[in-house]
N, C-alpha and C. Protein backbone atom coordinates (compact mmCIF):
# COMPACT_ATOMS: atom_id res chain seq x y z
N MET A 1 36.78 30.98 -35.94
CA MET A 1 37.76 29.89 -35.79
C MET A 1 38.70 30.36 -34.74
N ALA A 2 39.14 29.53 -33.82
CA ALA A 2 40.08 29.87 -32.73
C ALA A 2 41.48 29.87 -33.30
N GLU A 3 42.24 30.87 -32.76
CA GLU A 3 43.62 31.05 -33.16
C GLU A 3 44.51 29.88 -32.61
N ARG A 4 45.43 29.37 -33.38
CA ARG A 4 46.19 28.30 -32.94
C ARG A 4 47.40 28.90 -32.21
N LEU A 5 47.52 28.58 -30.90
CA LEU A 5 48.66 29.05 -30.10
C LEU A 5 49.76 27.97 -29.96
N TYR A 6 50.95 28.40 -30.09
CA TYR A 6 52.11 27.54 -29.96
C TYR A 6 52.53 27.56 -28.48
N ARG A 7 53.02 26.46 -28.05
CA ARG A 7 53.64 26.37 -26.70
C ARG A 7 55.02 26.77 -26.82
N VAL A 8 55.56 27.58 -25.89
CA VAL A 8 56.91 28.05 -25.93
C VAL A 8 57.71 27.36 -24.82
N GLU A 9 58.77 26.67 -25.25
CA GLU A 9 59.65 25.93 -24.24
C GLU A 9 61.00 26.63 -24.14
N LEU A 10 61.55 26.88 -22.99
CA LEU A 10 62.86 27.34 -22.84
C LEU A 10 63.76 26.09 -22.65
N THR A 11 64.69 25.90 -23.59
CA THR A 11 65.60 24.76 -23.51
C THR A 11 66.72 24.94 -22.52
N ALA A 12 67.45 23.93 -22.21
CA ALA A 12 68.44 23.93 -21.28
C ALA A 12 69.57 24.89 -21.77
N SER A 13 69.88 25.03 -23.05
CA SER A 13 70.83 25.86 -23.55
C SER A 13 70.39 27.30 -23.43
N PHE A 14 69.11 27.62 -23.62
CA PHE A 14 68.60 28.95 -23.45
C PHE A 14 68.77 29.42 -21.94
N LEU A 15 68.47 28.46 -21.05
CA LEU A 15 68.67 28.77 -19.62
C LEU A 15 70.07 29.05 -19.29
N GLU A 16 71.01 28.25 -19.88
CA GLU A 16 72.42 28.51 -19.63
C GLU A 16 72.82 29.91 -20.19
N CYS A 17 72.30 30.26 -21.30
CA CYS A 17 72.55 31.58 -21.87
C CYS A 17 71.99 32.67 -21.08
N LEU A 18 70.83 32.44 -20.43
CA LEU A 18 70.22 33.45 -19.56
C LEU A 18 71.24 33.68 -18.39
N ASP A 19 71.85 32.55 -17.88
CA ASP A 19 72.76 32.70 -16.78
C ASP A 19 73.90 33.65 -17.22
N ALA A 20 74.35 33.41 -18.47
CA ALA A 20 75.52 34.19 -19.00
C ALA A 20 75.12 35.64 -19.09
N VAL A 21 73.93 35.92 -19.62
CA VAL A 21 73.37 37.29 -19.65
C VAL A 21 73.38 37.96 -18.26
N GLU A 22 72.91 37.20 -17.35
CA GLU A 22 72.85 37.78 -15.96
C GLU A 22 74.25 38.12 -15.50
N ALA A 23 75.19 37.21 -15.69
CA ALA A 23 76.57 37.50 -15.25
C ALA A 23 77.08 38.65 -15.98
N PHE A 24 76.87 38.75 -17.30
CA PHE A 24 77.33 39.92 -18.04
C PHE A 24 76.76 41.24 -17.46
N LEU A 25 75.42 41.21 -17.19
CA LEU A 25 74.83 42.44 -16.72
C LEU A 25 75.36 42.85 -15.35
N LEU A 26 75.51 41.80 -14.45
CA LEU A 26 76.02 42.16 -13.18
C LEU A 26 77.43 42.62 -13.20
N GLU A 27 78.30 42.15 -14.12
CA GLU A 27 79.65 42.54 -14.29
C GLU A 27 79.66 44.00 -14.76
N THR A 28 78.68 44.46 -15.47
CA THR A 28 78.69 45.81 -15.99
C THR A 28 77.78 46.72 -15.17
N ASP A 29 77.50 46.30 -13.83
CA ASP A 29 76.71 47.03 -12.98
C ASP A 29 75.28 47.33 -13.50
N ALA A 30 74.73 46.54 -14.32
CA ALA A 30 73.38 46.69 -14.83
C ALA A 30 72.48 45.43 -14.47
N GLY A 31 72.67 44.93 -13.25
CA GLY A 31 71.90 43.77 -12.85
C GLY A 31 70.41 44.00 -12.84
N PHE A 32 69.97 45.19 -12.70
CA PHE A 32 68.51 45.57 -12.74
C PHE A 32 67.91 45.23 -14.11
N ALA A 33 68.74 45.28 -15.13
CA ALA A 33 68.28 44.96 -16.48
C ALA A 33 67.94 43.49 -16.70
N PHE A 34 68.49 42.65 -15.81
CA PHE A 34 68.19 41.21 -15.93
C PHE A 34 66.71 41.00 -15.45
N ASP A 35 66.32 41.63 -14.43
CA ASP A 35 64.94 41.49 -13.97
C ASP A 35 63.93 42.04 -15.02
N ALA A 36 64.35 43.14 -15.69
CA ALA A 36 63.56 43.65 -16.80
C ALA A 36 63.45 42.69 -17.95
N LEU A 37 64.64 42.00 -18.32
CA LEU A 37 64.55 40.95 -19.34
C LEU A 37 63.58 39.87 -19.00
N LEU A 38 63.66 39.35 -17.75
CA LEU A 38 62.73 38.29 -17.37
C LEU A 38 61.32 38.72 -17.47
N GLY A 39 60.97 40.01 -17.05
CA GLY A 39 59.62 40.54 -17.23
C GLY A 39 59.18 40.60 -18.73
N GLU A 40 60.12 41.02 -19.57
CA GLU A 40 59.84 41.14 -20.97
C GLU A 40 59.60 39.78 -21.62
N LEU A 41 60.41 38.80 -21.11
CA LEU A 41 60.20 37.49 -21.70
C LEU A 41 58.79 37.06 -21.37
N ARG A 42 58.38 37.08 -20.14
CA ARG A 42 57.08 36.78 -19.76
C ARG A 42 55.90 37.54 -20.47
N ALA A 43 56.07 38.86 -20.49
CA ALA A 43 54.98 39.73 -20.90
C ALA A 43 54.88 39.99 -22.38
N THR A 44 56.03 39.83 -23.15
CA THR A 44 56.05 40.17 -24.51
C THR A 44 56.56 39.07 -25.38
N VAL A 45 57.80 38.61 -25.15
CA VAL A 45 58.47 37.73 -26.05
C VAL A 45 57.69 36.35 -26.14
N ILE A 46 57.39 35.73 -25.03
CA ILE A 46 56.70 34.41 -25.08
C ILE A 46 55.38 34.56 -25.68
N PRO A 47 54.49 35.49 -25.26
CA PRO A 47 53.23 35.71 -25.89
C PRO A 47 53.33 35.97 -27.42
N ASN A 48 54.31 36.73 -27.90
CA ASN A 48 54.43 37.04 -29.32
C ASN A 48 54.81 35.72 -30.02
N LEU A 49 55.73 34.99 -29.53
CA LEU A 49 56.14 33.68 -30.16
C LEU A 49 55.02 32.69 -30.14
N SER A 50 54.23 32.70 -29.16
CA SER A 50 53.06 31.82 -29.04
C SER A 50 52.00 32.09 -30.16
N ARG A 51 51.82 33.37 -30.34
CA ARG A 51 50.79 33.79 -31.37
C ARG A 51 51.38 33.84 -32.80
N PHE A 52 52.65 34.36 -32.90
CA PHE A 52 53.29 34.48 -34.20
C PHE A 52 54.64 33.76 -34.25
N PRO A 53 54.63 32.46 -34.38
CA PRO A 53 55.89 31.69 -34.34
C PRO A 53 56.89 31.99 -35.45
N ARG A 54 56.48 32.66 -36.42
CA ARG A 54 57.36 32.97 -37.59
C ARG A 54 57.71 34.52 -37.47
N ILE A 55 57.56 35.10 -36.35
CA ILE A 55 57.81 36.58 -36.20
C ILE A 55 59.28 36.93 -36.48
N GLY A 56 60.16 36.05 -36.13
CA GLY A 56 61.62 36.31 -36.32
C GLY A 56 62.08 36.15 -37.72
N ARG A 57 63.25 36.67 -37.95
CA ARG A 57 63.89 36.53 -39.26
C ARG A 57 64.56 35.16 -39.38
N ARG A 58 64.48 34.61 -40.53
CA ARG A 58 65.17 33.30 -40.76
C ARG A 58 66.70 33.55 -40.51
N TYR A 59 67.23 32.66 -39.68
CA TYR A 59 68.68 32.73 -39.46
C TYR A 59 69.58 32.71 -40.64
N LEU A 60 69.24 31.92 -41.60
CA LEU A 60 70.07 31.73 -42.77
C LEU A 60 69.90 32.79 -43.77
N ASP A 61 69.00 33.78 -43.57
CA ASP A 61 68.90 34.99 -44.50
C ASP A 61 70.15 35.77 -44.39
N ASN A 62 70.90 35.72 -43.42
CA ASN A 62 72.23 36.35 -43.23
C ASN A 62 73.15 35.36 -42.48
N PRO A 63 73.56 34.36 -43.33
CA PRO A 63 74.35 33.30 -42.75
C PRO A 63 75.64 33.77 -42.12
N PRO A 64 76.17 32.96 -41.15
CA PRO A 64 77.42 33.27 -40.50
C PRO A 64 78.54 33.07 -41.46
N GLN A 65 79.65 33.62 -41.22
CA GLN A 65 80.84 33.63 -42.02
C GLN A 65 82.06 32.81 -41.35
N SER A 66 81.95 32.71 -40.12
CA SER A 66 83.13 32.12 -39.38
C SER A 66 83.18 30.63 -39.65
N ALA A 67 84.30 30.06 -39.73
CA ALA A 67 84.50 28.62 -39.88
C ALA A 67 83.75 27.86 -38.74
N GLU A 68 83.90 28.30 -37.51
CA GLU A 68 83.36 27.66 -36.33
C GLU A 68 81.84 27.58 -36.51
N ALA A 69 81.14 28.64 -36.83
CA ALA A 69 79.77 28.73 -36.95
C ALA A 69 79.26 27.79 -38.11
N LEU A 70 79.98 27.91 -39.24
CA LEU A 70 79.63 27.00 -40.41
C LEU A 70 79.75 25.56 -39.96
N ALA A 71 80.78 25.23 -39.27
CA ALA A 71 80.86 23.78 -38.87
C ALA A 71 79.84 23.40 -37.99
N GLN A 72 79.34 24.28 -37.02
CA GLN A 72 78.22 23.98 -36.17
C GLN A 72 76.97 23.73 -36.93
N LEU A 73 76.70 24.62 -37.91
CA LEU A 73 75.55 24.45 -38.71
C LEU A 73 75.60 23.23 -39.50
N ALA A 74 76.78 22.80 -39.98
CA ALA A 74 76.88 21.54 -40.74
C ALA A 74 76.57 20.32 -39.90
N ALA A 75 76.89 20.44 -38.56
CA ALA A 75 76.69 19.29 -37.65
C ALA A 75 75.17 19.11 -37.27
N LEU A 76 74.44 20.05 -37.55
CA LEU A 76 72.93 19.96 -37.27
C LEU A 76 72.30 18.88 -38.14
N PRO A 77 71.15 18.23 -37.63
CA PRO A 77 70.41 17.32 -38.47
C PRO A 77 69.95 17.97 -39.77
N THR A 78 69.84 17.23 -40.84
CA THR A 78 69.38 17.77 -42.16
C THR A 78 68.07 18.60 -41.96
N GLY A 79 68.18 19.81 -42.51
CA GLY A 79 67.02 20.68 -42.51
C GLY A 79 66.87 21.56 -41.27
N ALA A 80 67.60 21.22 -40.20
CA ALA A 80 67.43 21.93 -38.95
C ALA A 80 67.94 23.37 -39.04
N ALA A 81 68.94 23.64 -39.76
CA ALA A 81 69.51 25.02 -39.87
C ALA A 81 68.46 25.97 -40.65
N HIS A 82 67.67 25.35 -41.41
CA HIS A 82 66.69 26.11 -42.24
C HIS A 82 65.49 26.50 -41.35
N ALA A 83 65.34 25.88 -40.21
CA ALA A 83 64.26 26.17 -39.29
C ALA A 83 64.60 27.13 -38.18
N LEU A 84 65.94 27.53 -38.07
CA LEU A 84 66.35 28.44 -37.17
C LEU A 84 65.80 29.88 -37.44
N ARG A 85 65.50 30.61 -36.39
CA ARG A 85 64.96 32.00 -36.56
C ARG A 85 65.62 32.82 -35.48
N GLU A 86 65.73 34.15 -35.75
CA GLU A 86 66.26 35.09 -34.86
C GLU A 86 65.13 36.12 -34.50
N TYR A 87 65.04 36.41 -33.16
CA TYR A 87 64.15 37.33 -32.75
C TYR A 87 64.85 38.45 -31.96
N LEU A 88 64.77 39.60 -32.43
CA LEU A 88 65.49 40.71 -31.68
C LEU A 88 64.42 41.49 -30.91
N HIS A 89 64.76 41.57 -29.57
CA HIS A 89 63.87 42.25 -28.65
C HIS A 89 64.64 43.15 -27.81
N GLY A 90 64.53 44.41 -28.04
CA GLY A 90 65.35 45.42 -27.25
C GLY A 90 66.81 45.16 -27.43
N ASP A 91 67.62 44.92 -26.43
CA ASP A 91 68.94 44.73 -26.47
C ASP A 91 69.39 43.28 -26.62
N TYR A 92 68.41 42.40 -26.87
CA TYR A 92 68.65 40.99 -26.79
C TYR A 92 68.32 40.34 -28.10
N LEU A 93 69.13 39.39 -28.48
CA LEU A 93 68.94 38.54 -29.70
C LEU A 93 68.73 37.12 -29.28
N MET A 94 67.59 36.57 -29.68
CA MET A 94 67.22 35.19 -29.32
C MET A 94 67.13 34.35 -30.60
N LEU A 95 67.62 33.15 -30.43
CA LEU A 95 67.63 32.11 -31.50
C LEU A 95 66.64 31.14 -31.05
N TYR A 96 65.74 30.72 -32.01
CA TYR A 96 64.66 29.74 -31.67
C TYR A 96 64.31 29.01 -33.01
N THR A 97 63.50 27.99 -32.75
CA THR A 97 62.89 27.17 -33.86
C THR A 97 61.50 26.91 -33.60
N ALA A 98 60.65 26.80 -34.61
CA ALA A 98 59.27 26.52 -34.43
C ALA A 98 58.89 25.29 -35.15
N SER A 99 58.13 24.42 -34.53
CA SER A 99 57.67 23.15 -35.08
C SER A 99 56.16 23.17 -35.34
N GLU A 100 55.79 23.13 -36.57
CA GLU A 100 54.44 23.11 -36.92
C GLU A 100 53.75 21.77 -36.51
N THR A 101 54.48 20.74 -36.53
CA THR A 101 53.94 19.40 -36.25
C THR A 101 53.37 19.33 -34.83
N ASP A 102 54.15 19.86 -33.84
CA ASP A 102 53.62 19.77 -32.47
C ASP A 102 53.26 21.10 -32.00
N ALA A 103 53.12 22.08 -32.75
CA ALA A 103 52.80 23.51 -32.27
C ALA A 103 53.72 23.98 -31.17
N MET A 104 55.02 23.82 -31.37
CA MET A 104 55.97 24.22 -30.33
C MET A 104 56.98 25.18 -30.86
N VAL A 105 57.37 26.13 -29.96
CA VAL A 105 58.45 27.14 -30.21
C VAL A 105 59.53 26.70 -29.15
N TYR A 106 60.78 26.50 -29.60
CA TYR A 106 61.87 26.14 -28.69
C TYR A 106 62.85 27.29 -28.70
N LEU A 107 62.98 28.01 -27.57
CA LEU A 107 63.95 29.03 -27.40
C LEU A 107 65.29 28.39 -27.15
N LEU A 108 66.27 28.69 -27.98
CA LEU A 108 67.52 27.98 -27.98
C LEU A 108 68.65 28.75 -27.41
N SER A 109 68.69 30.04 -27.61
CA SER A 109 69.85 30.93 -27.16
C SER A 109 69.28 32.34 -26.99
N VAL A 110 69.96 33.09 -26.10
CA VAL A 110 69.77 34.46 -25.86
C VAL A 110 71.14 35.09 -25.54
N ARG A 111 71.24 36.35 -26.08
CA ARG A 111 72.41 37.18 -25.57
C ARG A 111 72.14 38.58 -25.75
N HIS A 112 72.88 39.36 -24.92
CA HIS A 112 72.79 40.86 -24.96
C HIS A 112 73.66 41.27 -26.12
N HIS A 113 73.29 42.17 -26.86
CA HIS A 113 74.06 42.64 -28.06
C HIS A 113 75.47 43.09 -27.78
N ARG A 114 75.78 43.39 -26.57
CA ARG A 114 77.13 43.86 -26.12
C ARG A 114 77.98 42.72 -25.55
N GLN A 115 77.44 41.55 -25.47
CA GLN A 115 78.17 40.46 -24.82
C GLN A 115 79.47 40.07 -25.56
N LEU A 116 79.48 40.16 -26.85
CA LEU A 116 80.65 39.98 -27.53
C LEU A 116 81.51 41.24 -27.53
N SER A 117 82.68 41.11 -27.05
CA SER A 117 83.43 42.33 -26.86
C SER A 117 84.83 42.36 -27.62
N PHE A 118 85.45 43.38 -27.59
CA PHE A 118 86.77 43.43 -28.18
C PHE A 118 87.91 43.53 -27.06
N ASP A 119 87.58 42.89 -26.00
CA ASP A 119 88.54 42.79 -24.91
C ASP A 119 89.41 41.58 -25.22
N PHE A 120 90.43 41.83 -26.17
CA PHE A 120 91.23 40.76 -26.63
C PHE A 120 92.11 40.18 -25.52
N ALA A 121 92.46 41.02 -24.60
CA ALA A 121 93.33 40.42 -23.51
C ALA A 121 92.62 39.35 -22.66
N ARG A 122 91.35 39.68 -22.49
CA ARG A 122 90.52 38.65 -21.76
C ARG A 122 90.15 37.50 -22.61
N LEU A 123 89.90 37.63 -23.88
CA LEU A 123 89.56 36.58 -24.76
C LEU A 123 90.72 35.67 -25.10
N TRP A 124 91.86 36.36 -25.28
CA TRP A 124 93.08 35.48 -25.53
C TRP A 124 94.21 35.79 -24.53
N PRO A 125 94.17 35.21 -23.37
CA PRO A 125 95.22 35.52 -22.39
C PRO A 125 96.66 35.21 -22.92
N GLY A 126 97.54 36.04 -22.63
CA GLY A 126 98.81 35.94 -23.12
C GLY A 126 99.15 36.63 -24.42
N ALA A 127 98.11 37.08 -25.02
CA ALA A 127 98.24 37.91 -26.35
C ALA A 127 98.82 39.26 -26.20
């Protein structure tokens, strides 16, 4: 019996996040790492998700605590939050969802683990 492969789609939000990752890496003089990330997406991440769409941890296994994140989850269509999964690959965390109905994986977001910083002056100007 042939293995069922899922098609992996990069959403517009994922592509926007990729741009943010690239900007972050360039800002930290690690632009070379962005090319490596693109190579890893093609060679490892997408093939893994295609073969094993449930490889990532369920997002709600460790639910967010901030009011903002909880409000965003509440705004999702019914049941959508339960379909969210996290895939950790190297220095990157990806958020995705898999649809059994159409055998699709939708990559929704990606970020480098160091993108969130404690640079409060930059995060809150005038503080």
